Amino acid sequence: MTIAPASSFSKELTLFERIKIANEDVHSLKATFTQSSKLALFNDPLVVSGELTLQKPEFLRWEYTKPSVSGFILNDGDGLQWTSTGRNYSVVRTELSTFLRTMASQMLLWVNIDEEALSEDFRVTILSTEPPVIKLESKDKEMAKFIKSIVIELPVSLRGISRIIVTEGNDSIITLTFSNIEINPVLSETTFVKP
């Protein structure tokens, strides 16, 4: 009698297990993005662009570069936000607001694609495995009034992120499309300190 090898009985890896394996050596990420906001009250989308930089576990820099300069940094739970003013462009810096700190923390969750962490705050649905598409719906009723759903599209490699689509409570849709993704780039010491 022939006995099949034990590996033939092992279950197929889930999408989240595959994501975890693919990103084991990823500790930082840098990408450019285009943000298109289709507001419920307007016909034409508002389009802006910028750069995202993150370093696991708690560092994120979100910077708009066009048409104007602004952004925020989450630095291990603390933060800073800035906006440019005037043609000659002076920078106004303030402490990161509670709202932006919450959004930045949520963004880290979305981009890190950690099933256990995501499941604490969201109902998680896998819409597709090829290409990988994950839908998040807030379990918190108050949050759900502002954000109906978040759809995350990953590249085939499962490293980095391709697109995030946020449907807000008023049916406005924000689409973030990422490109020029760098895995484990060399980051300046000031990346998460000041604009």
C-alpha atoms as a PDB file:
ATOM      1  CA  MET A   1       0.000   0.000   0.000  1.00  0.00           C
ATOM      2  CA  THR A   2       1.308   3.460  -0.967  1.00  0.00           C
ATOM      3  CA  ILE A   3       0.933   6.275   1.557  1.00  0.00           C
ATOM      4  CA  ALA A   4       0.567   9.811   0.229  1.00  0.00           C
ATOM      5  CA  PRO A   5       3.063  12.350   1.601  1.00  0.00           C
ATOM      6  CA  ALA A   6       1.774  14.442   4.502  1.00  0.00           C
ATOM      7  CA  SER A   7       2.042  17.627   2.434  1.00  0.00           C
ATOM      8  CA  SER A   8      -0.716  16.439   0.120  1.00  0.00           C
ATOM      9  CA  PHE A   9      -3.146  16.662   3.044  1.00  0.00           C
ATOM     10  CA  SER A  10      -2.177  20.208   4.034  1.00  0.00           C
ATOM     11  CA  LYS A  11      -4.750  22.880   3.400  1.00  0.00           C
ATOM     12  CA  GLU A  12      -4.208  25.548   0.756  1.00  0.00           C
ATOM     13  CA  LEU A  13      -2.874  28.825   2.145  1.00  0.00           C
ATOM     14  CA  THR A  14      -5.457  31.561   2.648  1.00  0.00           C
ATOM     15  CA  LEU A  15      -5.025  34.928   0.934  1.00  0.00           C
ATOM     16  CA  PHE A  16      -3.978  36.542   4.225  1.00  0.00           C
ATOM     17  CA  GLU A  17      -1.422  33.789   4.894  1.00  0.00           C
ATOM     18  CA  ARG A  18       0.014  34.357   1.403  1.00  0.00           C
ATOM     19  CA  ILE A  19       0.153  38.144   2.028  1.00  0.00           C
ATOM     20  CA  LYS A  20       1.976  37.595   5.334  1.00  0.00           C
ATOM     21  CA  ILE A  21       4.562  35.292   3.735  1.00  0.00           C
ATOM     22  CA  ALA A  22       5.100  37.632   0.759  1.00  0.00           C
ATOM     23  CA  ASN A  23       5.715  40.592   3.089  1.00  0.00           C
ATOM     24  CA  GLU A  24       7.851  38.955   5.793  1.00  0.00           C
ATOM     25  CA  ASP A  25      10.928  40.922   4.759  1.00  0.00           C
ATOM     26  CA  VAL A  26       9.101  44.197   3.995  1.00  0.00           C
ATOM     27  CA  HIS A  27       9.772  46.775   6.702  1.00  0.00           C
ATOM     28  CA  SER A  28       9.228  50.004   4.714  1.00  0.00           C
ATOM     29  CA  LEU A  29       7.503  51.186   1.565  1.00  0.00           C
ATOM     30  CA  LYS A  30       7.453  54.309  -0.575  1.00  0.00           C
ATOM     31  CA  ALA A  31       5.040  55.095  -3.409  1.00  0.00           C
ATOM     32  CA  THR A  32       3.521  57.925  -5.394  1.00  0.00           C
ATOM     33  CA  PHE A  33      -0.253  58.171  -5.583  1.00  0.00           C
ATOM     34  CA  THR A  34      -3.060  59.871  -7.438  1.00  0.00           C
ATOM     35  CA  GLN A  35      -6.193  60.632  -5.423  1.00  0.00           C
ATOM     36  CA  SER A  36      -9.410  61.094  -7.336  1.00  0.00           C
ATOM     37  CA  SER A  37     -12.386  62.269  -5.278  1.00  0.00           C
ATOM     38  CA  LYS A  38     -15.821  61.870  -6.895  1.00  0.00           C
ATOM     39  CA  LEU A  39     -17.964  64.023  -4.654  1.00  0.00           C
ATOM     40  CA  ALA A  40     -21.681  63.314  -4.477  1.00  0.00           C
ATOM     41  CA  LEU A  41     -22.583  66.945  -5.274  1.00  0.00           C
ATOM     42  CA  PHE A  42     -20.225  67.483  -8.242  1.00  0.00           C
ATOM     43  CA  ASN A  43     -19.875  65.966 -11.704  1.00  0.00           C
ATOM     44  CA  ASP A  44     -16.119  66.243 -12.179  1.00  0.00           C
ATOM     45  CA  PRO A  45     -13.697  64.459  -9.849  1.00  0.00           C
ATOM     46  CA  LEU A  46     -11.127  66.407  -7.854  1.00  0.00           C
ATOM     47  CA  VAL A  47      -7.646  65.009  -8.598  1.00  0.00           C
ATOM     48  CA  VAL A  48      -4.530  65.518  -6.469  1.00  0.00           C
ATOM     49  CA  SER A  49      -1.243  63.637  -6.232  1.00  0.00           C
ATOM     50  CA  GLY A  50       1.470  62.972  -3.709  1.00  0.00           C
ATOM     51  CA  GLU A  51       3.718  60.487  -1.948  1.00  0.00           C
ATOM     52  CA  LEU A  52       3.213  57.869   0.745  1.00  0.00           C
ATOM     53  CA  THR A  53       6.059  56.580   2.920  1.00  0.00           C
ATOM     54  CA  LEU A  54       5.597  54.064   5.704  1.00  0.00           C
ATOM     55  CA  GLN A  55       7.783  52.105   8.031  1.00  0.00           C
ATOM     56  CA  LYS A  56       6.428  49.279  10.159  1.00  0.00           C
ATOM     57  CA  PRO A  57       4.939  49.267  12.657  1.00  0.00           C
ATOM     58  CA  GLU A  58       3.843  52.862  13.425  1.00  0.00           C
ATOM     59  CA  PHE A  59       5.406  55.396  11.059  1.00  0.00           C
ATOM     60  CA  LEU A  60       3.593  57.002   8.139  1.00  0.00           C
ATOM     61  CA  ARG A  61       4.156  60.098   6.007  1.00  0.00           C
ATOM     62  CA  TRP A  62       1.324  61.197   3.704  1.00  0.00           C
ATOM     63  CA  GLU A  63       2.239  64.166   1.522  1.00  0.00           C
ATOM     64  CA  TYR A  64       0.236  65.956  -1.170  1.00  0.00           C
ATOM     65  CA  THR A  65       2.549  67.530  -3.766  1.00  0.00           C
ATOM     66  CA  LYS A  66       0.102  68.784  -6.447  1.00  0.00           C
ATOM     67  CA  PRO A  67      -1.740  71.088  -6.887  1.00  0.00           C
ATOM     68  CA  SER A  68      -0.652  72.352  -3.428  1.00  0.00           C
ATOM     69  CA  VAL A  69       1.647  71.043  -0.711  1.00  0.00           C
ATOM     70  CA  SER A  70       0.285  69.638   2.542  1.00  0.00           C
ATOM     71  CA  GLY A  71       0.426  66.451   4.531  1.00  0.00           C
ATOM     72  CA  PHE A  72       0.841  64.726   7.831  1.00  0.00           C
ATOM     73  CA  ILE A  73       3.165  62.390   9.697  1.00  0.00           C
ATOM     74  CA  LEU A  74       2.296  59.698  12.203  1.00  0.00           C
ATOM     75  CA  ASN A  75       5.396  59.013  14.281  1.00  0.00           C
ATOM     76  CA  ASP A  76       4.855  56.097  16.689  1.00  0.00           C
ATOM     77  CA  GLY A  77       1.492  57.450  17.855  1.00  0.00           C
ATOM     78  CA  ASP A  78       2.508  61.124  17.813  1.00  0.00           C
ATOM     79  CA  GLY A  79       2.110  63.355  14.791  1.00  0.00           C
ATOM     80  CA  LEU A  80       2.476  66.570  12.853  1.00  0.00           C
ATOM     81  CA  GLN A  81       0.484  68.098  10.001  1.00  0.00           C
ATOM     82  CA  TRP A  82       1.398  70.921   7.658  1.00  0.00           C
ATOM     83  CA  THR A  83      -0.031  73.065   4.874  1.00  0.00           C
ATOM     84  CA  SER A  84       1.620  75.444   2.456  1.00  0.00           C
ATOM     85  CA  THR A  85       0.342  78.986   2.187  1.00  0.00           C
ATOM     86  CA  GLY A  86       0.714  81.634  -0.463  1.00  0.00           C
ATOM     87  CA  ARG A  87       2.609  81.761  -3.701  1.00  0.00           C
ATOM     88  CA  ASN A  88       6.028  81.926  -2.080  1.00  0.00           C
ATOM     89  CA  TYR A  89       5.026  78.973   0.027  1.00  0.00           C
ATOM     90  CA  SER A  90       5.594  79.211   3.737  1.00  0.00           C
ATOM     91  CA  VAL A  91       4.753  76.135   5.792  1.00  0.00           C
ATOM     92  CA  VAL A  92       2.347  76.111   8.714  1.00  0.00           C
ATOM     93  CA  ARG A  93       2.914  73.220  11.141  1.00  0.00           C
ATOM     94  CA  THR A  94       0.495  72.082  13.831  1.00  0.00           C
ATOM     95  CA  GLU A  95       0.031  69.028  16.024  1.00  0.00           C
ATOM     96  CA  LEU A  96      -1.708  66.174  14.258  1.00  0.00           C
ATOM     97  CA  SER A  97      -5.443  66.458  14.918  1.00  0.00           C
ATOM     98  CA  THR A  98      -7.312  63.589  16.573  1.00  0.00           C
ATOM     99  CA  PHE A  99      -9.181  62.962  13.307  1.00  0.00           C
ATOM    100  CA  LEU A 100      -5.995  62.765  11.213  1.00  0.00           C
ATOM    101  CA  ARG A 101      -4.257  60.635  13.846  1.00  0.00           C
ATOM    102  CA  THR A 102      -7.157  58.170  13.675  1.00  0.00           C
ATOM    103  CA  MET A 103      -7.123  58.210   9.860  1.00  0.00           C
ATOM    104  CA  ALA A 104      -3.343  57.681   9.780  1.00  0.00           C
ATOM    105  CA  SER A 105      -3.622  54.730  12.177  1.00  0.00           C
ATOM    106  CA  GLN A 106      -6.405  53.264  10.044  1.00  0.00           C
ATOM    107  CA  MET A 107      -4.314  53.784   6.899  1.00  0.00           C
ATOM    108  CA  LEU A 108      -1.467  51.802   8.442  1.00  0.00           C
ATOM    109  CA  LEU A 109      -3.915  48.986   9.104  1.00  0.00           C
ATOM    110  CA  TRP A 110      -5.184  49.051   5.505  1.00  0.00           C
ATOM    111  CA  VAL A 111      -1.724  49.162   3.954  1.00  0.00           C
ATOM    112  CA  ASN A 112      -0.203  46.532   6.262  1.00  0.00           C
ATOM    113  CA  ILE A 113      -3.055  44.083   5.478  1.00  0.00           C
ATOM    114  CA  ASP A 114      -2.946  42.322   8.856  1.00  0.00           C
ATOM    115  CA  GLU A 115      -6.071  40.123   9.053  1.00  0.00           C
ATOM    116  CA  GLU A 116      -6.191  39.948  12.850  1.00  0.00           C
ATOM    117  CA  ALA A 117      -5.782  43.717  13.293  1.00  0.00           C
ATOM    118  CA  LEU A 118      -8.260  44.517  10.498  1.00  0.00           C
ATOM    119  CA  SER A 119     -10.853  42.097  11.924  1.00  0.00           C
ATOM    120  CA  GLU A 120     -10.965  44.013  15.215  1.00  0.00           C
ATOM    121  CA  ASP A 121     -12.461  47.096  13.531  1.00  0.00           C
ATOM    122  CA  PHE A 122     -13.870  45.798  10.225  1.00  0.00           C
ATOM    123  CA  ARG A 123     -15.928  43.054   8.663  1.00  0.00           C
ATOM    124  CA  VAL A 124     -13.498  41.627   6.116  1.00  0.00           C
ATOM    125  CA  THR A 125     -14.683  40.164   2.804  1.00  0.00           C
ATOM    126  CA  ILE A 126     -12.391  38.770   0.114  1.00  0.00           C
ATOM    127  CA  LEU A 127     -13.934  39.855  -3.204  1.00  0.00           C
ATOM    128  CA  SER A 128     -11.252  38.231  -5.360  1.00  0.00           C
ATOM    129  CA  THR A 129      -8.004  36.302  -4.912  1.00  0.00           C
ATOM    130  CA  GLU A 130      -6.693  36.793  -8.479  1.00  0.00           C
ATOM    131  CA  PRO A 131      -6.137  39.749  -8.458  1.00  0.00           C
ATOM    132  CA  PRO A 132      -6.388  40.110  -4.676  1.00  0.00           C
ATOM    133  CA  VAL A 133      -9.240  42.442  -3.642  1.00  0.00           C
ATOM    134  CA  ILE A 134     -10.372  42.869  -0.021  1.00  0.00           C
ATOM    135  CA  LYS A 135     -13.426  44.787   1.199  1.00  0.00           C
ATOM    136  CA  LEU A 136     -13.619  46.330   4.669  1.00  0.00           C
ATOM    137  CA  GLU A 137     -16.805  47.542   6.362  1.00  0.00           C
ATOM    138  CA  SER A 138     -16.603  49.244   9.747  1.00  0.00           C
ATOM    139  CA  LYS A 139     -18.107  47.410  12.720  1.00  0.00           C
ATOM    140  CA  ASP A 140     -18.488  50.746  14.516  1.00  0.00           C
ATOM    141  CA  LYS A 141     -21.848  52.338  13.638  1.00  0.00           C
ATOM    142  CA  GLU A 142     -20.548  55.888  14.130  1.00  0.00           C
ATOM    143  CA  MET A 143     -17.564  55.276  11.821  1.00  0.00           C
ATOM    144  CA  ALA A 144     -19.873  53.639   9.259  1.00  0.00           C
ATOM    145  CA  LYS A 145     -21.789  56.940   8.993  1.00  0.00           C
ATOM    146  CA  PHE A 146     -18.608  58.497   7.578  1.00  0.00           C
ATOM    147  CA  ILE A 147     -17.085  55.539   5.720  1.00  0.00           C
ATOM    148  CA  LYS A 148     -19.351  52.878   4.199  1.00  0.00           C
ATOM    149  CA  SER A 149     -16.594  50.688   2.838  1.00  0.00           C
ATOM    150  CA  ILE A 150     -12.921  50.454   1.906  1.00  0.00           C
ATOM    151  CA  VAL A 151     -11.812  48.248  -0.971  1.00  0.00           C
ATOM    152  CA  ILE A 152      -8.112  47.339  -1.147  1.00  0.00           C
ATOM    153  CA  GLU A 153      -6.579  46.001  -4.364  1.00  0.00           C
ATOM    154  CA  LEU A 154      -3.158  44.368  -4.170  1.00  0.00           C
ATOM    155  CA  PRO A 155      -0.627  43.634  -6.912  1.00  0.00           C
ATOM    156  CA  VAL A 156      -0.189  40.011  -8.008  1.00  0.00           C
ATOM    157  CA  SER A 157       3.086  39.900  -6.026  1.00  0.00           C
ATOM    158  CA  LEU A 158       1.091  40.777  -2.847  1.00  0.00           C
ATOM    159  CA  ARG A 159       3.865  43.245  -1.948  1.00  0.00           C
ATOM    160  CA  GLY A 160       2.808  46.876  -1.665  1.00  0.00           C
ATOM    161  CA  ILE A 161      -0.609  48.110  -2.727  1.00  0.00           C
ATOM    162  CA  SER A 162      -2.298  48.944  -6.042  1.00  0.00           C
ATOM    163  CA  ARG A 163      -5.476  50.829  -5.166  1.00  0.00           C
ATOM    164  CA  ILE A 164      -7.699  51.854  -2.254  1.00  0.00           C
ATOM    165  CA  ILE A 165     -11.322  52.853  -2.914  1.00  0.00           C
ATOM    166  CA  VAL A 166     -13.153  54.552  -0.045  1.00  0.00           C
ATOM    167  CA  THR A 167     -16.931  54.973  -0.251  1.00  0.00           C
ATOM    168  CA  GLU A 168     -18.017  57.620   2.233  1.00  0.00           C
ATOM    169  CA  GLY A 169     -21.323  57.853   4.073  1.00  0.00           C
ATOM    170  CA  ASN A 170     -22.609  60.512   1.649  1.00  0.00           C
ATOM    171  CA  ASP A 171     -21.729  58.251  -1.342  1.00  0.00           C
ATOM    172  CA  SER A 172     -18.661  60.281  -2.314  1.00  0.00           C
ATOM    173  CA  ILE A 173     -15.924  57.973  -3.617  1.00  0.00           C
ATOM    174  CA  ILE A 174     -12.193  58.496  -3.083  1.00  0.00           C
ATOM    175  CA  THR A 175      -9.890  56.391  -5.254  1.00  0.00           C
ATOM    176  CA  LEU A 176      -6.199  56.199  -4.412  1.00  0.00           C
ATOM    177  CA  THR A 177      -4.060  54.671  -7.162  1.00  0.00           C
ATOM    178  CA  PHE A 178      -0.459  53.852  -6.209  1.00  0.00           C
ATOM    179  CA  SER A 179       2.564  53.630  -8.523  1.00  0.00           C
ATOM    180  CA  ASN A 180       6.381  53.712  -8.446  1.00  0.00           C
ATOM    181  CA  ILE A 181       6.321  51.433  -5.413  1.00  0.00           C
ATOM    182  CA  GLU A 182       9.677  50.949  -3.688  1.00  0.00           C
ATOM    183  CA  ILE A 183      10.030  48.126  -1.180  1.00  0.00           C
ATOM    184  CA  ASN A 184      12.512  48.742   1.682  1.00  0.00           C
ATOM    185  CA  PRO A 185      13.884  52.034   0.298  1.00  0.00           C
ATOM    186  CA  VAL A 186      16.643  53.896   2.116  1.00  0.00           C
ATOM    187  CA  LEU A 187      14.811  56.562   4.130  1.00  0.00           C
ATOM    188  CA  SER A 188      16.188  59.848   5.443  1.00  0.00           C
ATOM    189  CA  GLU A 189      16.406  60.219   9.223  1.00  0.00           C
ATOM    190  CA  THR A 190      14.000  63.181   8.932  1.00  0.00           C
ATOM    191  CA  THR A 191      11.331  61.327   6.927  1.00  0.00           C
ATOM    192  CA  PHE A 192       9.024  60.968   9.938  1.00  0.00           C
ATOM    193  CA  VAL A 193      10.211  64.038  11.839  1.00  0.00           C
ATOM    194  CA  LYS A 194       9.333  67.191   9.864  1.00  0.00           C
ATOM    195  CA  PRO A 195       8.139  68.309   6.416  1.00  0.00           C
END
